C-alpha atoms as a PDB file:
ATOM      1  CA  MET A   1      -9.011 -17.459   4.943  1.00  0.00           C
ATOM      2  CA  LEU A   2     -11.499 -16.775   1.993  1.00  0.00           C
ATOM      3  CA  THR A   3     -13.540 -19.739   3.707  1.00  0.00           C
ATOM      4  CA  ALA A   4     -13.400 -17.647   6.795  1.00  0.00           C
ATOM      5  CA  LEU A   5     -15.385 -14.430   5.277  1.00  0.00           C
ATOM      6  CA  ARG A   6     -18.702 -16.465   6.470  1.00  0.00           C
ATOM      7  CA  HIS A   7     -17.549 -16.300  10.071  1.00  0.00           C
ATOM      8  CA  PRO A   8     -14.699 -14.139  10.553  1.00  0.00           C
ATOM      9  CA  PHE A   9     -14.951 -13.915  14.359  1.00  0.00           C
ATOM     10  CA  SER A  10     -14.721 -17.635  15.130  1.00  0.00           C
ATOM     11  CA  GLN A  11     -11.773 -19.251  16.621  1.00  0.00           C
ATOM     12  CA  LYS A  12     -10.671 -21.314  13.585  1.00  0.00           C
ATOM     13  CA  PRO A  13      -7.176 -20.406  12.593  1.00  0.00           C
ATOM     14  CA  ALA A  14      -8.714 -19.186   8.873  1.00  0.00           C
ATOM     15  CA  ALA A  15     -10.464 -16.688  10.673  1.00  0.00           C
ATOM     16  CA  GLN A  16      -7.560 -15.748  12.892  1.00  0.00           C
ATOM     17  CA  LEU A  17      -5.416 -15.301  10.281  1.00  0.00           C
ATOM     18  CA  LEU A  18      -8.055 -13.587   8.439  1.00  0.00           C
ATOM     19  CA  ARG A  19      -8.316 -10.880  11.251  1.00  0.00           C
ATOM     20  CA  PHE A  20      -4.550 -11.206  11.217  1.00  0.00           C
ATOM     21  CA  ILE A  21      -4.265  -9.902   7.358  1.00  0.00           C
ATOM     22  CA  ILE A  22      -7.114  -7.347   8.001  1.00  0.00           C
ATOM     23  CA  LEU A  23      -5.977  -5.577  11.191  1.00  0.00           C
ATOM     24  CA  GLY A  24      -2.100  -5.716   9.940  1.00  0.00           C
ATOM     25  CA  THR A  25      -3.240  -4.072   6.989  1.00  0.00           C
ATOM     26  CA  LEU A  26      -5.198  -1.388   8.552  1.00  0.00           C
ATOM     27  CA  ALA A  27      -2.315  -0.541  10.695  1.00  0.00           C
ATOM     28  CA  THR A  28       0.116  -0.560   7.724  1.00  0.00           C
ATOM     29  CA  GLY A  29      -2.093   1.780   5.840  1.00  0.00           C
ATOM     30  CA  MET A  30      -2.427   4.295   8.625  1.00  0.00           C
ATOM     31  CA  VAL A  31       1.333   4.422   9.292  1.00  0.00           C
ATOM     32  CA  GLY A  32       2.665   3.878   5.553  1.00  0.00           C
ATOM     33  CA  VAL A  33       0.345   6.460   3.899  1.00  0.00           C
ATOM     34  CA  PRO A  34       1.342   9.526   6.103  1.00  0.00           C
ATOM     35  CA  LEU A  35       4.977   8.210   5.993  1.00  0.00           C
ATOM     36  CA  TYR A  36       4.869   7.890   2.171  1.00  0.00           C
ATOM     37  CA  LYS A  37       3.368  11.776   1.869  1.00  0.00           C
ATOM     38  CA  LEU A  38       5.944  12.965   4.511  1.00  0.00           C
ATOM     39  CA  ALA A  39       8.755  11.186   2.583  1.00  0.00           C
ATOM     40  CA  GLN A  40       7.609  12.365  -0.815  1.00  0.00           C
ATOM     41  CA  GLN A  41       7.487  15.696   0.306  1.00  0.00           C
ATOM     42  CA  THR A  42      10.649  16.013   2.421  1.00  0.00           C
ATOM     43  CA  LEU A  43      12.646  14.305  -0.477  1.00  0.00           C
ATOM     44  CA  SER A  44      11.199  16.791  -2.910  1.00  0.00           C
ATOM     45  CA  LEU A  45      12.425  19.749  -0.784  1.00  0.00           C
ATOM     46  CA  ALA A  46      15.598  18.313  -0.136  1.00  0.00           C
ATOM     47  CA  SER A  47      18.497  18.832  -2.659  1.00  0.00           C
ATOM     48  CA  SER A  48      19.590  15.603  -4.246  1.00  0.00           C
ATOM     49  CA  SER A  49      22.628  15.686  -1.767  1.00  0.00           C
ATOM     50  CA  VAL A  50      20.645  15.648   1.387  1.00  0.00           C
ATOM     51  CA  ALA A  51      17.924  13.294  -0.200  1.00  0.00           C
ATOM     52  CA  MET A  52      20.770  10.654  -0.786  1.00  0.00           C
ATOM     53  CA  LEU A  53      21.793  10.908   2.705  1.00  0.00           C
ATOM     54  CA  ILE A  54      18.380  10.505   4.069  1.00  0.00           C
ATOM     55  CA  VAL A  55      18.055   7.292   1.844  1.00  0.00           C
ATOM     56  CA  GLY A  56      21.624   6.174   2.626  1.00  0.00           C
ATOM     57  CA  GLY A  57      20.603   6.465   6.565  1.00  0.00           C
ATOM     58  CA  LEU A  58      17.647   4.606   6.032  1.00  0.00           C
ATOM     59  CA  LEU A  59      19.632   1.783   4.226  1.00  0.00           C
ATOM     60  CA  LEU A  60      21.934   1.407   7.153  1.00  0.00           C
ATOM     61  CA  PHE A  61      19.145   1.519   9.392  1.00  0.00           C
ATOM     62  CA  THR A  62      17.544  -1.686   7.385  1.00  0.00           C
ATOM     63  CA  GLY A  63      20.969  -3.291   7.464  1.00  0.00           C
ATOM     64  CA  TYR A  64      21.040  -2.768  11.207  1.00  0.00           C
ATOM     65  CA  ILE A  65      17.734  -4.397  11.460  1.00  0.00           C
ATOM     66  CA  ALA A  66      18.591  -7.470   9.222  1.00  0.00           C
ATOM     67  CA  SER A  67      21.659  -7.903  11.624  1.00  0.00           C
ATOM     68  CA  ARG A  68      19.266  -8.159  14.676  1.00  0.00           C
ATOM     69  CA  ARG A  69      17.098 -10.510  12.699  1.00  0.00           C
ATOM     70  CA  GLU A  70      19.887 -13.051  12.292  1.00  0.00           C
ATOM     71  CA  LYS A  71      20.302 -12.831  16.202  1.00  0.00           C
ATOM     72  CA  LEU A  72      17.090 -13.150  16.975  1.00  0.00           C
ATOM     73  CA  SER A  73      16.545 -16.010  14.612  1.00  0.00           C
ATOM     74  CA  ALA A  74      19.115 -17.970  16.394  1.00  0.00           C
ATOM     75  CA  ALA A  75      17.081 -17.317  19.635  1.00  0.00           C
ATOM     76  CA  GLN A  76      14.687 -20.107  20.837  1.00  0.00           C
ATOM     77  CA  SER A  77      11.228 -19.821  19.704  1.00  0.00           C
ATOM     78  CA  HIS A  78       8.294 -20.369  22.246  1.00  0.00           C
ATOM     79  CA  ILE A  79       4.994 -19.502  20.331  1.00  0.00           C
ATOM     80  CA  GLU A  80       3.619 -22.987  18.716  1.00  0.00           C
ATOM     81  CA  GLU A  81       3.668 -22.693  14.887  1.00  0.00           C
ATOM     82  CA  THR A  82      -0.138 -22.930  14.807  1.00  0.00           C
ATOM     83  CA  GLU A  83      -0.893 -19.739  16.748  1.00  0.00           C
ATOM     84  CA  ILE A  84      -1.740 -16.328  14.856  1.00  0.00           C
ATOM     85  CA  PRO A  85      -1.254 -12.938  16.233  1.00  0.00           C
ATOM     86  CA  ASN A  86      -3.868 -11.511  18.414  1.00  0.00           C
ATOM     87  CA  ALA A  87      -5.308  -8.058  17.442  1.00  0.00           C
ATOM     88  CA  TRP A  88      -2.606  -6.191  19.136  1.00  0.00           C
ATOM     89  CA  ARG A  89       0.405  -8.055  17.878  1.00  0.00           C
ATOM     90  CA  SER A  90      -1.279  -7.758  14.368  1.00  0.00           C
ATOM     91  CA  LEU A  91      -1.417  -3.986  14.942  1.00  0.00           C
ATOM     92  CA  ILE A  92       1.941  -3.789  16.082  1.00  0.00           C
ATOM     93  CA  ILE A  93       3.392  -5.832  13.219  1.00  0.00           C
ATOM     94  CA  GLY A  94       0.834  -4.006  10.572  1.00  0.00           C
ATOM     95  CA  GLY A  95       2.144  -0.678  12.017  1.00  0.00           C
ATOM     96  CA  CYS A  96       5.663  -1.521  11.577  1.00  0.00           C
ATOM     97  CA  GLN A  97       5.277  -2.999   8.107  1.00  0.00           C
ATOM     98  CA  GLY A  98       3.953   0.758   7.641  1.00  0.00           C
ATOM     99  CA  PHE A  99       7.465   2.086   7.998  1.00  0.00           C
ATOM    100  CA  ALA A 100       8.318   0.440   4.723  1.00  0.00           C
ATOM    101  CA  ALA A 101       6.824   3.330   2.832  1.00  0.00           C
ATOM    102  CA  LEU A 102      10.185   5.044   3.456  1.00  0.00           C
ATOM    103  CA  PRO A 103      12.666   4.717   0.754  1.00  0.00           C
ATOM    104  CA  GLY A 104      15.450   2.401   1.829  1.00  0.00           C
ATOM    105  CA  ILE A 105      13.404   0.608   4.538  1.00  0.00           C
ATOM    106  CA  SER A 106      12.929  -3.373   4.098  1.00  0.00           C
ATOM    107  CA  ARG A 107       9.230  -4.276   4.505  1.00  0.00           C
ATOM    108  CA  SER A 108      10.238  -7.914   5.788  1.00  0.00           C
ATOM    109  CA  GLY A 109      13.214  -6.306   7.643  1.00  0.00           C
ATOM    110  CA  VAL A 110      10.923  -4.313   9.640  1.00  0.00           C
ATOM    111  CA  THR A 111       8.150  -6.939  10.045  1.00  0.00           C
ATOM    112  CA  VAL A 112      10.206 -10.174  10.870  1.00  0.00           C
ATOM    113  CA  PRO A 113      12.220  -8.936  13.892  1.00  0.00           C
ATOM    114  CA  PRO A 114       9.055  -7.983  15.840  1.00  0.00           C
ATOM    115  CA  LEU A 115       7.529 -11.483  14.958  1.00  0.00           C
ATOM    116  CA  LEU A 116      10.834 -13.351  16.290  1.00  0.00           C
ATOM    117  CA  THR A 117      10.757 -10.761  19.200  1.00  0.00           C
ATOM    118  CA  MET A 118       7.100 -12.154  20.058  1.00  0.00           C
ATOM    119  CA  GLY A 119       8.421 -15.436  20.366  1.00  0.00           C
ATOM    120  CA  TYR A 120       7.520 -16.921  16.639  1.00  0.00           C
ATOM    121  CA  SER A 121      10.294 -19.147  14.487  1.00  0.00           C
ATOM    122  CA  ALA A 122      11.922 -17.467  12.235  1.00  0.00           C
ATOM    123  CA  LYS A 123       9.862 -20.164   9.267  1.00  0.00           C
ATOM    124  CA  GLU A 124       6.303 -18.808  10.934  1.00  0.00           C
ATOM    125  CA  SER A 125       7.703 -15.214  10.979  1.00  0.00           C
ATOM    126  CA  ILE A 126       8.498 -15.087   7.484  1.00  0.00           C
ATOM    127  CA  ARG A 127       5.583 -16.807   6.747  1.00  0.00           C
ATOM    128  CA  LEU A 128       3.282 -14.320   8.606  1.00  0.00           C
ATOM    129  CA  SER A 129       5.495 -11.532   7.283  1.00  0.00           C
ATOM    130  CA  PHE A 130       4.723 -12.428   3.615  1.00  0.00           C
ATOM    131  CA  LEU A 131       1.248 -13.379   4.078  1.00  0.00           C
ATOM    132  CA  LEU A 132       0.613  -9.579   5.185  1.00  0.00           C
ATOM    133  CA  ASN A 133       2.777  -8.451   2.072  1.00  0.00           C
ATOM    134  CA  VAL A 134      -0.045  -9.385  -0.452  1.00  0.00           C
ATOM    135  CA  ILE A 135      -2.782  -6.926   0.224  1.00  0.00           C
ATOM    136  CA  ALA A 136      -0.185  -3.788   1.287  1.00  0.00           C
ATOM    137  CA  LEU A 137       1.956  -4.301  -1.942  1.00  0.00           C
ATOM    138  CA  LEU A 138      -1.606  -3.735  -3.638  1.00  0.00           C
ATOM    139  CA  GLY A 139      -2.089  -0.634  -1.437  1.00  0.00           C
ATOM    140  CA  ALA A 140       1.762   0.432  -2.383  1.00  0.00           C
ATOM    141  CA  GLY A 141       0.976   0.237  -6.261  1.00  0.00           C
ATOM    142  CA  ALA A 142      -2.487   2.248  -5.782  1.00  0.00           C
ATOM    143  CA  VAL A 143      -1.131   5.093  -3.351  1.00  0.00           C
ATOM    144  CA  PRO A 144       0.895   6.525  -5.846  1.00  0.00           C
ATOM    145  CA  LEU A 145      -2.259   6.704  -8.520  1.00  0.00           C
ATOM    146  CA  LEU A 146      -4.361   8.103  -5.926  1.00  0.00           C
ATOM    147  CA  ALA A 147      -2.368  10.217  -4.386  1.00  0.00           C
ATOM    148  CA  ASP A 148      -0.938  12.256  -7.397  1.00  0.00           C
ATOM    149  CA  GLU A 149      -1.081  12.283 -11.067  1.00  0.00           C
ATOM    150  CA  GLY A 150       2.284  10.666 -11.604  1.00  0.00           C
ATOM    151  CA  GLY A 151       0.927   6.974 -11.709  1.00  0.00           C
ATOM    152  CA  PHE A 152      -1.790   8.126 -14.214  1.00  0.00           C
ATOM    153  CA  SER A 153       0.367  10.042 -16.653  1.00  0.00           C
ATOM    154  CA  ALA A 154       2.909   6.943 -16.680  1.00  0.00           C
ATOM    155  CA  ILE A 155       0.107   4.780 -17.774  1.00  0.00           C
ATOM    156  CA  GLN A 156      -1.004   7.409 -20.503  1.00  0.00           C
ATOM    157  CA  GLU A 157       2.558   7.815 -21.630  1.00  0.00           C
ATOM    158  CA  LEU A 158       3.076   3.972 -21.626  1.00  0.00           C
ATOM    159  CA  GLY A 159      -0.353   3.099 -23.038  1.00  0.00           C
ATOM    160  CA  ILE A 160      -2.940   0.676 -21.556  1.00  0.00           C
ATOM    161  CA  ALA A 161      -1.612  -2.121 -23.569  1.00  0.00           C
ATOM    162  CA  ASN A 162       2.019  -1.813 -22.206  1.00  0.00           C
ATOM    163  CA  THR A 163       0.924  -1.180 -18.920  1.00  0.00           C
ATOM    164  CA  ILE A 164      -1.298  -4.460 -18.999  1.00  0.00           C
ATOM    165  CA  VAL A 165       1.731  -6.563 -20.278  1.00  0.00           C
ATOM    166  CA  MET A 166       3.910  -5.365 -17.744  1.00  0.00           C
ATOM    167  CA  LEU A 167       1.301  -6.393 -14.924  1.00  0.00           C
ATOM    168  CA  LEU A 168       0.664  -9.681 -16.325  1.00  0.00           C
ATOM    169  CA  VAL A 169       4.488 -10.332 -16.718  1.00  0.00           C
ATOM    170  CA  ALA A 170       5.081  -9.186 -12.750  1.00  0.00           C
ATOM    171  CA  ALA A 171       2.135 -11.137 -11.643  1.00  0.00           C
ATOM    172  CA  ILE A 172       3.431 -14.425 -13.822  1.00  0.00           C
ATOM    173  CA  THR A 173       6.672 -14.155 -12.160  1.00  0.00           C
ATOM    174  CA  SER A 174       5.573 -13.733  -8.874  1.00  0.00           C
ATOM    175  CA  PHE A 175       2.837 -16.483  -8.945  1.00  0.00           C
ATOM    176  CA  LEU A 176       5.220 -19.230 -10.821  1.00  0.00           C
ATOM    177  CA  PRO A 177       7.694 -19.287  -7.497  1.00  0.00           C
ATOM    178  CA  LEU A 178       4.524 -19.671  -5.314  1.00  0.00           C
ATOM    179  CA  GLY A 179       3.125 -22.361  -7.334  1.00  0.00           C
ATOM    180  CA  GLN A 180       6.264 -24.105  -7.214  1.00  0.00           C
ATOM    181  CA  TYR A 181       6.338 -23.959  -3.623  1.00  0.00           C
ATOM    182  CA  CYS A 182       2.777 -25.094  -3.474  1.00  0.00           C
ATOM    183  CA  ASN A 183       3.522 -28.111  -5.656  1.00  0.00           C
ATOM    184  CA  SER A 184       6.796 -29.134  -3.462  1.00  0.00           C
ATOM    185  CA  HIS A 185       4.781 -28.776  -0.241  1.00  0.00           C
ATOM    186  CA  ASN A 186       1.479 -30.388  -1.291  1.00  0.00           C
ATOM    187  CA  VAL A 187      -0.171 -27.223  -0.616  1.00  0.00           C
ATOM    188  CA  TRP A 188      -2.976 -27.842  -3.298  1.00  0.00           C
ATOM    189  CA  LYS A 189      -4.334 -31.156  -1.680  1.00  0.00           C
ATOM    190  CA  HIS A 190      -5.244 -29.117   1.524  1.00  0.00           C
ATOM    191  CA  LEU A 191      -7.467 -26.166  -0.486  1.00  0.00           C
END
């Protein structure tokens, strides 16, 4: 995808994938940031019992989506493995991902079923979902820091050194399985 930055509007698969990530991420932010703020305000005003009921309801919704995902993945896919979602599909999937800003909503649980419904195979749906996840996770970490003082005060309380160690441990434990996957599927030789 990085090679497509020079020609982002070409019809090469890398450029199409880059556009999918950019459009999907924009839609994620447009839906996710307001939902995050709404959830934050709603849960802070609600009593602890009501907050637990809201989160429990959202967890039940995630369970329902997961049960639908299993049924959808059993259906026959009709889109070729190499076809990247167009602009409208990218915006829809990104918008769906924005709902993961609500507590109890699974990010992959709200992106994989729409991809399956669009006709992508289970394998391709998961691949596209997790590619779209990368920038969204960075944004999910940045929004609380930028939206209120809570993130900055936590860093001050933990200290910069401890925060850096925690970030490094999280990054390493995230990249190790990815590296193992790339080694087992000979991805490195294609780069």
